[in-house]
C-alpha atoms as a PDB file:
ATOM      1  CA  MET A   1     195.210  32.271 131.687  1.00  0.00           C
ATOM      2  CA  ALA A   2     193.203  35.647 129.362  1.00  0.00           C
ATOM      3  CA  GLU A   3     193.964  38.376 129.808  1.00  0.00           C
ATOM      4  CA  ALA A   4     191.898  41.359 131.092  1.00  0.00           C
ATOM      5  CA  MET A   5     190.189  43.638 128.260  1.00  0.00           C
ATOM      6  CA  PRO A   6     192.311  46.784 128.441  1.00  0.00           C
ATOM      7  CA  SER A   7     189.769  49.702 130.081  1.00  0.00           C
ATOM      8  CA  ARG A   8     188.356  53.699 128.891  1.00  0.00           C
ATOM      9  CA  PHE A   9     191.338  55.482 130.815  1.00  0.00           C
ATOM     10  CA  SER A  10     194.433  52.693 129.189  1.00  0.00           C
ATOM     11  CA  LEU A  11     193.394  53.059 125.960  1.00  0.00           C
ATOM     12  CA  TRP A  12     193.273  57.258 125.625  1.00  0.00           C
ATOM     13  CA  TRP A  13     196.609  57.136 127.766  1.00  0.00           C
ATOM     14  CA  GLN A  14     198.526  54.709 125.598  1.00  0.00           C
ATOM     15  CA  ARG A  15     197.361  56.592 122.586  1.00  0.00           C
ATOM     16  CA  PRO A  16     198.994  59.025 120.468  1.00  0.00           C
ATOM     17  CA  ILE A  17     198.733  63.221 121.542  1.00  0.00           C
ATOM     18  CA  ARG A  18     196.929  64.630 118.702  1.00  0.00           C
ATOM     19  CA  SER A  19     196.857  68.127 118.232  1.00  0.00           C
ATOM     20  CA  GLY A  20     193.563  68.305 119.444  1.00  0.00           C
ATOM     21  CA  ASP A  21     194.444  67.079 122.650  1.00  0.00           C
ATOM     22  CA  ARG A  22     197.186  69.682 122.947  1.00  0.00           C
ATOM     23  CA  VAL A  23     194.484  72.420 122.354  1.00  0.00           C
ATOM     24  CA  SER A  24     191.540  70.887 123.733  1.00  0.00           C
ATOM     25  CA  ALA A  25     193.916  70.438 127.289  1.00  0.00           C
ATOM     26  CA  ALA A  26     195.391  74.050 126.977  1.00  0.00           C
ATOM     27  CA  PHE A  27     191.741  75.330 127.154  1.00  0.00           C
ATOM     28  CA  VAL A  28     191.543  73.580 130.184  1.00  0.00           C
ATOM     29  CA  GLY A  29     194.253  74.268 131.916  1.00  0.00           C
ATOM     30  CA  LEU A  30     193.373  78.098 130.949  1.00  0.00           C
ATOM     31  CA  PHE A  31     189.877  78.122 133.204  1.00  0.00           C
ATOM     32  CA  ALA A  32     191.041  76.001 135.913  1.00  0.00           C
ATOM     33  CA  GLY A  33     194.024  77.908 136.260  1.00  0.00           C
ATOM     34  CA  PHE A  34     191.809  81.083 136.468  1.00  0.00           C
ATOM     35  CA  TRP A  35     190.352  79.609 139.476  1.00  0.00           C
ATOM     36  CA  ILE A  36     193.493  78.095 140.979  1.00  0.00           C
ATOM     37  CA  GLY A  37     195.453  81.612 141.187  1.00  0.00           C
ATOM     38  CA  LEU A  38     192.473  83.477 142.080  1.00  0.00           C
ATOM     39  CA  LEU A  39     191.512  81.242 145.353  1.00  0.00           C
ATOM     40  CA  GLY A  40     195.128  80.406 146.031  1.00  0.00           C
ATOM     41  CA  ARG A  41     195.480  84.345 146.087  1.00  0.00           C
ATOM     42  CA  LEU A  42     192.518  84.777 148.511  1.00  0.00           C
ATOM     43  CA  ILE A  43     193.312  81.875 150.308  1.00  0.00           C
ATOM     44  CA  LEU A  44     196.796  82.509 150.885  1.00  0.00           C
ATOM     45  CA  VAL A  45     196.897  86.278 151.987  1.00  0.00           C
ATOM     46  CA  ASP A  46     194.585  87.523 155.094  1.00  0.00           C
ATOM     47  CA  GLU A  47     194.565  90.585 154.754  1.00  0.00           C
ATOM     48  CA  PRO A  48     192.036  92.258 151.876  1.00  0.00           C
ATOM     49  CA  THR A  49     193.766  92.251 147.788  1.00  0.00           C
ATOM     50  CA  SER A  50     192.323  94.376 145.628  1.00  0.00           C
ATOM     51  CA  ILE A  51     190.483  92.738 142.675  1.00  0.00           C
ATOM     52  CA  SER A  52     193.666  94.344 140.244  1.00  0.00           C
ATOM     53  CA  VAL A  53     195.396  92.083 141.740  1.00  0.00           C
ATOM     54  CA  LEU A  54     193.389  88.917 142.042  1.00  0.00           C
ATOM     55  CA  LEU A  55     192.685  89.246 138.046  1.00  0.00           C
ATOM     56  CA  TYR A  56     196.160  89.701 137.858  1.00  0.00           C
ATOM     57  CA  TRP A  57     196.933  86.795 139.972  1.00  0.00           C
ATOM     58  CA  GLY A  58     194.011  84.205 137.942  1.00  0.00           C
ATOM     59  CA  ALA A  59     195.588  85.970 134.738  1.00  0.00           C
ATOM     60  CA  SER A  60     199.305  84.337 134.876  1.00  0.00           C
ATOM     61  CA  ILE A  61     198.751  81.317 136.578  1.00  0.00           C
ATOM     62  CA  ALA A  62     195.919  80.808 133.911  1.00  0.00           C
ATOM     63  CA  VAL A  63     198.713  81.109 130.991  1.00  0.00           C
ATOM     64  CA  LEU A  64     201.316  79.611 132.712  1.00  0.00           C
ATOM     65  CA  SER A  65     198.880  76.413 133.217  1.00  0.00           C
ATOM     66  CA  ALA A  66     197.269  76.865 129.620  1.00  0.00           C
ATOM     67  CA  ILE A  67     201.227  76.231 128.894  1.00  0.00           C
ATOM     68  CA  LEU A  68     201.480  73.397 130.473  1.00  0.00           C
ATOM     69  CA  GLY A  69     198.052  71.651 128.853  1.00  0.00           C
ATOM     70  CA  ALA A  70     199.619  72.198 126.132  1.00  0.00           C
ATOM     71  CA  LEU A  71     203.673  70.585 127.036  1.00  0.00           C
ATOM     72  CA  PHE A  72     201.909  67.510 128.857  1.00  0.00           C
ATOM     73  CA  PRO A  73     197.813  66.965 127.345  1.00  0.00           C
ATOM     74  CA  ARG A  74     197.126  64.077 129.729  1.00  0.00           C
ATOM     75  CA  HIS A  75     198.442  65.129 132.124  1.00  0.00           C
ATOM     76  CA  ALA A  76     197.069  68.413 132.875  1.00  0.00           C
ATOM     77  CA  MET A  77     193.864  66.914 131.542  1.00  0.00           C
ATOM     78  CA  ILE A  78     193.396  64.800 134.629  1.00  0.00           C
ATOM     79  CA  VAL A  79     195.222  67.564 137.075  1.00  0.00           C
ATOM     80  CA  PHE A  80     193.128  70.519 135.932  1.00  0.00           C
ATOM     81  CA  TYR A  81     190.311  68.825 134.207  1.00  0.00           C
ATOM     82  CA  PRO A  82     187.878  69.200 137.889  1.00  0.00           C
ATOM     83  CA  PHE A  83     188.679  72.741 138.929  1.00  0.00           C
ATOM     84  CA  THR A  84     187.249  73.989 135.265  1.00  0.00           C
ATOM     85  CA  PHE A  85     183.560  73.624 136.174  1.00  0.00           C
ATOM     86  CA  PHE A  86     184.685  75.369 139.917  1.00  0.00           C
ATOM     87  CA  GLY A  87     181.770  78.160 140.772  1.00  0.00           C
ATOM     88  CA  VAL A  88     179.854  76.917 137.383  1.00  0.00           C
ATOM     89  CA  GLY A  89     176.410  75.571 139.143  1.00  0.00           C
ATOM     90  CA  GLY A  90     172.939  75.438 138.057  1.00  0.00           C
ATOM     91  CA  SER A  91     170.031  77.085 140.838  1.00  0.00           C
END
């Protein structure tokens, strides 16, 4: 029985992690973490919140997500990538 050709995803997943992968995953984690922190704070609290607190939450989760992106680049790209384009739209 013939083996199936590996998909692009499996080839990407199995290749060695390069420093460029870590840097790009850190940037993706930074932008996605900002939106996750900002919207997470808005959803978790039902009382009015100041802009400084929202920015603090967004910045702290962004830094944490960037660190996670640098440590685990493949997983971070899969989880965080959809959140990087949140709020960016053409009209």
